[in-house]
Amino acid sequence: MIDLSTWNLTTPATQENPLITTQQLNNGYRSSYFRRNADGSLTFWAPVTGSTTSGSSYPRSELRETSRDGKPVFWKYDRANDRLAAVLTVERLPSNEKLIVGQIHSKDEPGSMRDPLLKIRYRKVDGIGRVEAVVRRRPGEKACDSHLLLDGVGPGDQFGYRIDLDSRGKLQVAASSANGQSSKFSQQVDPRWKKQSLYFKAGLYVLDNKGPSTEGGRVTFHWLDSAHR
């Protein structure tokens, strides 16, 4: 059973409040965008026609870190060792075949532009499914570096990732798949990230907003865990 006591959920709902609070989520919230399955896994769905959040052009059905009382959590990387890990399956892709399944995001404050430090991206390239880590070089800049983690991971194939950012600013991302692939990379993040207020996100962010309401992304998380120690 995935513990949802420290997460809220943003949905792509167009006719209701898209933010599902931590309390609502843990009181059995269920919709066409989110459900807990009998085996304890979580399934997220986001159509390309769904609503978007401020500053974004794309819809999402995505968890965001909170405290147990539901307040949004922000952290500085130099104060703890921070970890996000997940095992999931991408089941459906939009027509452009790209989506995000995990992030270290940055608070909207001077120098950050709300841009994420890290995104875990799944996409198809020439028909082949890839899992990539996209790392932003500096806060407020668009330049990013993409690191290939897994190749040949098709829709329906289970894979996992683990993100570690330690108090010295060392970022490590590891990934593995059910077919036996595994990889890891590490780098020192730019020290300017030390000033940013960060938080984890996990779930589904669809990088597409064109097409019919039947088009979108669907992923199932079989395991999810985060920690700050």
C-alpha atoms as a PDB file:
ATOM      1  CA  MET A   1       0.000   0.000   0.000  1.00  0.00           C
ATOM      2  CA  ILE A   2       1.427   3.360  -1.039  1.00  0.00           C
ATOM      3  CA  ASP A   3       1.380   5.905   1.796  1.00  0.00           C
ATOM      4  CA  LEU A   4      -0.412   9.092   0.673  1.00  0.00           C
ATOM      5  CA  SER A   5      -0.354  10.850   4.043  1.00  0.00           C
ATOM      6  CA  THR A   6       2.205  13.420   2.860  1.00  0.00           C
ATOM      7  CA  TRP A   7       0.909  14.186  -0.641  1.00  0.00           C
ATOM      8  CA  ASN A   8      -1.830  16.150  -2.321  1.00  0.00           C
ATOM      9  CA  LEU A   9      -3.012  15.680  -5.900  1.00  0.00           C
ATOM     10  CA  THR A  10      -3.465  18.046  -8.822  1.00  0.00           C
ATOM     11  CA  THR A  11      -5.943  16.748 -11.414  1.00  0.00           C
ATOM     12  CA  PRO A  12      -6.798  17.977 -14.917  1.00  0.00           C
ATOM     13  CA  ALA A  13     -10.459  18.455 -13.934  1.00  0.00           C
ATOM     14  CA  THR A  14     -12.177  21.245 -15.888  1.00  0.00           C
ATOM     15  CA  GLN A  15     -15.510  21.436 -14.047  1.00  0.00           C
ATOM     16  CA  GLU A  16     -14.370  21.223 -10.429  1.00  0.00           C
ATOM     17  CA  ASN A  17     -11.502  22.208  -8.137  1.00  0.00           C
ATOM     18  CA  PRO A  18      -8.448  20.485  -9.621  1.00  0.00           C
ATOM     19  CA  LEU A  19      -6.596  20.361  -6.261  1.00  0.00           C
ATOM     20  CA  ILE A  20      -7.359  17.344  -4.097  1.00  0.00           C
ATOM     21  CA  THR A  21      -6.147  17.964  -0.556  1.00  0.00           C
ATOM     22  CA  THR A  22      -4.111  15.530   1.512  1.00  0.00           C
ATOM     23  CA  GLN A  23      -7.179  14.851   3.664  1.00  0.00           C
ATOM     24  CA  GLN A  24      -9.424  14.188   0.663  1.00  0.00           C
ATOM     25  CA  LEU A  25      -6.818  11.935  -0.897  1.00  0.00           C
ATOM     26  CA  ASN A  26      -6.555   9.845   2.274  1.00  0.00           C
ATOM     27  CA  ASN A  27     -10.329   9.699   2.728  1.00  0.00           C
ATOM     28  CA  GLY A  28     -10.778   7.589  -0.388  1.00  0.00           C
ATOM     29  CA  TYR A  29     -10.795  10.137  -3.222  1.00  0.00           C
ATOM     30  CA  ARG A  30     -11.365   8.466  -6.571  1.00  0.00           C
ATOM     31  CA  SER A  31     -12.181   9.860 -10.012  1.00  0.00           C
ATOM     32  CA  SER A  32     -11.554   9.255 -13.686  1.00  0.00           C
ATOM     33  CA  TYR A  33      -8.135  10.886 -13.135  1.00  0.00           C
ATOM     34  CA  PHE A  34      -6.982   8.877 -10.128  1.00  0.00           C
ATOM     35  CA  ARG A  35      -7.771   5.570  -8.462  1.00  0.00           C
ATOM     36  CA  ARG A  36      -6.284   3.207  -5.901  1.00  0.00           C
ATOM     37  CA  ASN A  37      -6.393  -0.358  -7.180  1.00  0.00           C
ATOM     38  CA  ALA A  38      -7.130  -3.535  -5.243  1.00  0.00           C
ATOM     39  CA  ASP A  39      -3.417  -4.381  -5.048  1.00  0.00           C
ATOM     40  CA  GLY A  40      -2.612  -0.961  -3.548  1.00  0.00           C
ATOM     41  CA  SER A  41      -1.153   0.531  -6.728  1.00  0.00           C
ATOM     42  CA  LEU A  42      -2.194   3.984  -7.998  1.00  0.00           C
ATOM     43  CA  THR A  43      -3.371   4.739 -11.527  1.00  0.00           C
ATOM     44  CA  PHE A  44      -3.189   8.279 -12.951  1.00  0.00           C
ATOM     45  CA  TRP A  45      -4.949   9.467 -16.119  1.00  0.00           C
ATOM     46  CA  ALA A  46      -4.679  12.877 -17.805  1.00  0.00           C
ATOM     47  CA  PRO A  47      -6.367  13.699 -21.133  1.00  0.00           C
ATOM     48  CA  VAL A  48      -4.664  16.183 -23.436  1.00  0.00           C
ATOM     49  CA  THR A  49      -7.807  18.361 -23.175  1.00  0.00           C
ATOM     50  CA  GLY A  50      -7.594  18.614 -19.377  1.00  0.00           C
ATOM     51  CA  SER A  51      -7.164  21.828 -17.427  1.00  0.00           C
ATOM     52  CA  THR A  52      -3.688  23.157 -16.670  1.00  0.00           C
ATOM     53  CA  THR A  53      -2.112  24.823 -13.669  1.00  0.00           C
ATOM     54  CA  SER A  54      -0.794  28.369 -13.589  1.00  0.00           C
ATOM     55  CA  GLY A  55       2.411  28.699 -15.590  1.00  0.00           C
ATOM     56  CA  SER A  56       1.922  25.387 -17.412  1.00  0.00           C
ATOM     57  CA  SER A  57       0.554  24.541 -20.850  1.00  0.00           C
ATOM     58  CA  TYR A  58      -0.033  20.852 -20.189  1.00  0.00           C
ATOM     59  CA  PRO A  59      -2.436  18.821 -18.020  1.00  0.00           C
ATOM     60  CA  ARG A  60      -1.393  16.665 -15.099  1.00  0.00           C
ATOM     61  CA  SER A  61      -2.646  14.122 -12.607  1.00  0.00           C
ATOM     62  CA  GLU A  62       0.254  14.437 -10.205  1.00  0.00           C
ATOM     63  CA  LEU A  63       1.105  14.138  -6.521  1.00  0.00           C
ATOM     64  CA  ARG A  64       2.887  16.949  -4.712  1.00  0.00           C
ATOM     65  CA  GLU A  65       4.695  16.769  -1.358  1.00  0.00           C
ATOM     66  CA  THR A  66       2.913  18.044   1.764  1.00  0.00           C
ATOM     67  CA  SER A  67       3.253  17.737   5.511  1.00  0.00           C
ATOM     68  CA  ARG A  68       0.788  15.468   7.334  1.00  0.00           C
ATOM     69  CA  ASP A  69      -1.495  18.432   8.009  1.00  0.00           C
ATOM     70  CA  GLY A  70      -1.728  19.061   4.256  1.00  0.00           C
ATOM     71  CA  LYS A  71       0.480  22.145   4.035  1.00  0.00           C
ATOM     72  CA  PRO A  72       2.844  22.280   1.041  1.00  0.00           C
ATOM     73  CA  VAL A  73       6.384  21.199   1.878  1.00  0.00           C
ATOM     74  CA  PHE A  74       9.490  23.042   0.689  1.00  0.00           C
ATOM     75  CA  TRP A  75      13.067  22.080   1.482  1.00  0.00           C
ATOM     76  CA  LYS A  76      16.629  23.279   0.943  1.00  0.00           C
ATOM     77  CA  TYR A  77      18.946  20.580  -0.297  1.00  0.00           C
ATOM     78  CA  ASP A  78      21.787  21.478   2.099  1.00  0.00           C
ATOM     79  CA  ARG A  79      19.694  20.665   5.182  1.00  0.00           C
ATOM     80  CA  ALA A  80      19.131  16.925   4.624  1.00  0.00           C
ATOM     81  CA  ASN A  81      19.599  14.010   2.270  1.00  0.00           C
ATOM     82  CA  ASP A  82      16.498  13.902   0.061  1.00  0.00           C
ATOM     83  CA  ARG A  83      15.144  10.821  -1.723  1.00  0.00           C
ATOM     84  CA  LEU A  84      12.282   9.927  -4.072  1.00  0.00           C
ATOM     85  CA  ALA A  85      11.847   6.386  -5.391  1.00  0.00           C
ATOM     86  CA  ALA A  86       9.149   4.715  -7.461  1.00  0.00           C
ATOM     87  CA  VAL A  87       8.229   1.595  -9.419  1.00  0.00           C
ATOM     88  CA  LEU A  88       5.714   2.152 -12.199  1.00  0.00           C
ATOM     89  CA  THR A  89       4.308   1.188 -15.567  1.00  0.00           C
ATOM     90  CA  VAL A  90       3.524   3.582 -18.413  1.00  0.00           C
ATOM     91  CA  GLU A  91       0.349   2.210 -19.956  1.00  0.00           C
ATOM     92  CA  ARG A  92      -0.697   4.841 -22.464  1.00  0.00           C
ATOM     93  CA  LEU A  93       0.928   7.791 -24.228  1.00  0.00           C
ATOM     94  CA  PRO A  94      -0.428  10.893 -25.981  1.00  0.00           C
ATOM     95  CA  SER A  95       0.219  11.267 -29.713  1.00  0.00           C
ATOM     96  CA  ASN A  96       3.547  13.047 -29.199  1.00  0.00           C
ATOM     97  CA  GLU A  97       4.613  10.117 -26.969  1.00  0.00           C
ATOM     98  CA  LYS A  98       6.115  12.108 -24.087  1.00  0.00           C
ATOM     99  CA  LEU A  99       5.296  12.436 -20.388  1.00  0.00           C
ATOM    100  CA  ILE A 100       6.907  13.132 -16.998  1.00  0.00           C
ATOM    101  CA  VAL A 101       6.658  10.693 -14.060  1.00  0.00           C
ATOM    102  CA  GLY A 102       8.784  12.351 -11.347  1.00  0.00           C
ATOM    103  CA  GLN A 103      10.254  15.762 -10.518  1.00  0.00           C
ATOM    104  CA  ILE A 104      12.291  17.873  -8.150  1.00  0.00           C
ATOM    105  CA  HIS A 105      10.457  21.149  -8.581  1.00  0.00           C
ATOM    106  CA  SER A 106      11.340  24.668  -7.443  1.00  0.00           C
ATOM    107  CA  LYS A 107       9.151  27.207  -5.669  1.00  0.00           C
ATOM    108  CA  ASP A 108       7.986  30.267  -7.606  1.00  0.00           C
ATOM    109  CA  GLU A 109      10.403  32.831  -6.215  1.00  0.00           C
ATOM    110  CA  PRO A 110      13.093  35.163  -7.612  1.00  0.00           C
ATOM    111  CA  GLY A 111      15.521  33.234  -9.784  1.00  0.00           C
ATOM    112  CA  SER A 112      13.531  30.011  -9.963  1.00  0.00           C
ATOM    113  CA  MET A 113      10.776  30.691 -12.529  1.00  0.00           C
ATOM    114  CA  ARG A 114       9.022  27.608 -11.064  1.00  0.00           C
ATOM    115  CA  ASP A 115      11.216  25.431 -13.234  1.00  0.00           C
ATOM    116  CA  PRO A 116      12.145  21.953 -12.009  1.00  0.00           C
ATOM    117  CA  LEU A 117      15.699  21.002 -11.143  1.00  0.00           C
ATOM    118  CA  LEU A 118      15.040  17.448 -12.344  1.00  0.00           C
ATOM    119  CA  LYS A 119      12.431  15.631 -14.436  1.00  0.00           C
ATOM    120  CA  ILE A 120      12.114  11.893 -15.030  1.00  0.00           C
ATOM    121  CA  ARG A 121      10.832  11.684 -18.595  1.00  0.00           C
ATOM    122  CA  TYR A 122       9.418   8.747 -20.533  1.00  0.00           C
ATOM    123  CA  ARG A 123       9.233   9.115 -24.286  1.00  0.00           C
ATOM    124  CA  LYS A 124       9.415   7.152 -27.493  1.00  0.00           C
ATOM    125  CA  VAL A 125      12.204   7.847 -29.981  1.00  0.00           C
ATOM    126  CA  ASP A 126      11.879   6.062 -33.332  1.00  0.00           C
ATOM    127  CA  GLY A 127       9.328   3.772 -31.719  1.00  0.00           C
ATOM    128  CA  ILE A 128      11.589   2.815 -28.797  1.00  0.00           C
ATOM    129  CA  GLY A 129      10.600   3.696 -25.239  1.00  0.00           C
ATOM    130  CA  ARG A 130      13.216   5.561 -23.222  1.00  0.00           C
ATOM    131  CA  VAL A 131      13.477   6.694 -19.610  1.00  0.00           C
ATOM    132  CA  GLU A 132      15.563   9.842 -19.195  1.00  0.00           C
ATOM    133  CA  ALA A 133      16.661  12.210 -16.446  1.00  0.00           C
ATOM    134  CA  VAL A 134      16.467  15.852 -17.526  1.00  0.00           C
ATOM    135  CA  VAL A 135      18.559  18.122 -15.288  1.00  0.00           C
ATOM    136  CA  ARG A 136      18.307  21.918 -15.384  1.00  0.00           C
ATOM    137  CA  ARG A 137      21.759  23.484 -15.176  1.00  0.00           C
ATOM    138  CA  ARG A 138      20.892  26.581 -13.138  1.00  0.00           C
ATOM    139  CA  PRO A 139      17.762  28.130 -11.563  1.00  0.00           C
ATOM    140  CA  GLY A 140      15.870  30.389 -13.942  1.00  0.00           C
ATOM    141  CA  GLU A 141      17.632  29.090 -17.050  1.00  0.00           C
ATOM    142  CA  LYS A 142      16.141  26.933 -19.789  1.00  0.00           C
ATOM    143  CA  ALA A 143      19.321  24.970 -20.543  1.00  0.00           C
ATOM    144  CA  CYS A 144      18.996  21.315 -19.502  1.00  0.00           C
ATOM    145  CA  ASP A 145      21.071  18.152 -19.876  1.00  0.00           C
ATOM    146  CA  SER A 146      19.355  14.877 -20.748  1.00  0.00           C
ATOM    147  CA  HIS A 147      20.748  11.577 -19.428  1.00  0.00           C
ATOM    148  CA  LEU A 148      19.528   8.280 -20.879  1.00  0.00           C
ATOM    149  CA  LEU A 149      18.653   5.870 -18.065  1.00  0.00           C
ATOM    150  CA  LEU A 150      16.821   3.001 -19.783  1.00  0.00           C
ATOM    151  CA  ASP A 151      16.226   2.053 -23.417  1.00  0.00           C
ATOM    152  CA  GLY A 152      13.713  -0.324 -24.956  1.00  0.00           C
ATOM    153  CA  VAL A 153      11.123   0.055 -22.178  1.00  0.00           C
ATOM    154  CA  GLY A 154       7.777  -0.282 -23.899  1.00  0.00           C
ATOM    155  CA  PRO A 155       4.319   0.696 -22.635  1.00  0.00           C
ATOM    156  CA  GLY A 156       3.284  -1.970 -20.155  1.00  0.00           C
ATOM    157  CA  ASP A 157       6.877  -2.700 -19.057  1.00  0.00           C
ATOM    158  CA  GLN A 158       7.556  -2.089 -15.377  1.00  0.00           C
ATOM    159  CA  PHE A 159      10.548   0.023 -14.369  1.00  0.00           C
ATOM    160  CA  GLY A 160      11.799   1.923 -11.350  1.00  0.00           C
ATOM    161  CA  TYR A 161      13.755   5.041 -10.539  1.00  0.00           C
ATOM    162  CA  ARG A 162      15.466   6.460  -7.470  1.00  0.00           C
ATOM    163  CA  ILE A 163      16.492  10.103  -7.016  1.00  0.00           C
ATOM    164  CA  ASP A 164      18.964  11.110  -4.289  1.00  0.00           C
ATOM    165  CA  LEU A 165      20.076  14.683  -3.621  1.00  0.00           C
ATOM    166  CA  ASP A 166      22.414  14.906  -0.649  1.00  0.00           C
ATOM    167  CA  SER A 167      23.227  17.851   1.592  1.00  0.00           C
ATOM    168  CA  ARG A 168      26.420  18.588  -0.361  1.00  0.00           C
ATOM    169  CA  GLY A 169      24.494  18.982  -3.612  1.00  0.00           C
ATOM    170  CA  LYS A 170      25.387  15.627  -5.146  1.00  0.00           C
ATOM    171  CA  LEU A 171      22.540  14.411  -7.350  1.00  0.00           C
ATOM    172  CA  GLN A 172      22.275  10.697  -8.141  1.00  0.00           C
ATOM    173  CA  VAL A 173      19.615   9.079 -10.301  1.00  0.00           C
ATOM    174  CA  ALA A 174      19.337   5.323 -10.718  1.00  0.00           C
ATOM    175  CA  ALA A 175      16.891   3.298 -12.794  1.00  0.00           C
ATOM    176  CA  SER A 176      16.170  -0.342 -13.515  1.00  0.00           C
ATOM    177  CA  SER A 177      13.671  -2.301 -15.588  1.00  0.00           C
ATOM    178  CA  ALA A 178      12.018  -5.686 -15.458  1.00  0.00           C
ATOM    179  CA  ASN A 179      14.068  -6.820 -18.463  1.00  0.00           C
ATOM    180  CA  GLY A 180      17.301  -6.542 -16.467  1.00  0.00           C
ATOM    181  CA  GLN A 181      18.552  -3.120 -17.493  1.00  0.00           C
ATOM    182  CA  SER A 182      20.002  -0.803 -14.876  1.00  0.00           C
ATOM    183  CA  SER A 183      21.941   2.445 -14.906  1.00  0.00           C
ATOM    184  CA  LYS A 184      23.012   5.295 -12.668  1.00  0.00           C
ATOM    185  CA  PHE A 185      24.500   8.710 -13.089  1.00  0.00           C
ATOM    186  CA  SER A 186      25.609  11.379 -10.633  1.00  0.00           C
ATOM    187  CA  GLN A 187      26.647  14.998 -10.813  1.00  0.00           C
ATOM    188  CA  GLN A 188      27.181  18.013  -8.607  1.00  0.00           C
ATOM    189  CA  VAL A 189      24.332  20.491  -8.998  1.00  0.00           C
ATOM    190  CA  ASP A 190      25.071  24.170  -9.461  1.00  0.00           C
ATOM    191  CA  PRO A 191      25.434  25.810  -6.010  1.00  0.00           C
ATOM    192  CA  ARG A 192      22.786  28.377  -6.955  1.00  0.00           C
ATOM    193  CA  TRP A 193      20.188  25.647  -6.383  1.00  0.00           C
ATOM    194  CA  LYS A 194      21.071  25.873  -2.674  1.00  0.00           C
ATOM    195  CA  LYS A 195      18.979  29.042  -2.409  1.00  0.00           C
ATOM    196  CA  GLN A 196      15.893  27.474  -3.971  1.00  0.00           C
ATOM    197  CA  SER A 197      12.953  25.977  -2.090  1.00  0.00           C
ATOM    198  CA  LEU A 198      12.423  22.520  -3.583  1.00  0.00           C
ATOM    199  CA  TYR A 199       9.793  19.777  -3.439  1.00  0.00           C
ATOM    200  CA  PHE A 200       9.088  16.374  -4.970  1.00  0.00           C
ATOM    201  CA  LYS A 201       6.314  15.560  -7.443  1.00  0.00           C
ATOM    202  CA  ALA A 202       5.333  12.133  -8.760  1.00  0.00           C
ATOM    203  CA  GLY A 203       2.592  10.852 -11.016  1.00  0.00           C
ATOM    204  CA  LEU A 204       1.703  11.956 -14.519  1.00  0.00           C
ATOM    205  CA  TYR A 205       2.443  15.216 -16.330  1.00  0.00           C
ATOM    206  CA  VAL A 206       1.413  14.920 -19.993  1.00  0.00           C
ATOM    207  CA  LEU A 207       3.608  16.912 -22.376  1.00  0.00           C
ATOM    208  CA  ASP A 208       0.841  17.301 -24.944  1.00  0.00           C
ATOM    209  CA  ASN A 209      -2.275  19.464 -25.200  1.00  0.00           C
ATOM    210  CA  LYS A 210      -3.600  18.711 -28.681  1.00  0.00           C
ATOM    211  CA  GLY A 211      -6.087  16.040 -29.677  1.00  0.00           C
ATOM    212  CA  PRO A 212      -9.476  14.617 -28.641  1.00  0.00           C
ATOM    213  CA  SER A 213     -10.558  14.064 -25.043  1.00  0.00           C
ATOM    214  CA  THR A 214      -9.928  10.324 -25.458  1.00  0.00           C
ATOM    215  CA  GLU A 215      -6.219  10.976 -25.970  1.00  0.00           C
ATOM    216  CA  GLY A 216      -3.844  11.304 -23.039  1.00  0.00           C
ATOM    217  CA  GLY A 217      -1.464   9.506 -20.724  1.00  0.00           C
ATOM    218  CA  ARG A 218      -2.013   6.778 -18.153  1.00  0.00           C
ATOM    219  CA  VAL A 219       0.526   5.405 -15.676  1.00  0.00           C
ATOM    220  CA  THR A 220       0.291   3.062 -12.689  1.00  0.00           C
ATOM    221  CA  PHE A 221       2.608   3.425  -9.690  1.00  0.00           C
ATOM    222  CA  HIS A 222       3.200   0.130  -7.884  1.00  0.00           C
ATOM    223  CA  TRP A 223       5.459   1.652  -5.232  1.00  0.00           C
ATOM    224  CA  LEU A 224       6.341   5.188  -4.150  1.00  0.00           C
ATOM    225  CA  ASP A 225       8.463   6.465  -1.273  1.00  0.00           C
ATOM    226  CA  SER A 226      10.100   9.730  -0.273  1.00  0.00           C
ATOM    227  CA  ALA A 227      12.328  10.755   2.629  1.00  0.00           C
ATOM    228  CA  HIS A 228      14.361  13.664   4.025  1.00  0.00           C
ATOM    229  CA  ARG A 229      17.048  12.561   6.474  1.00  0.00           C
END
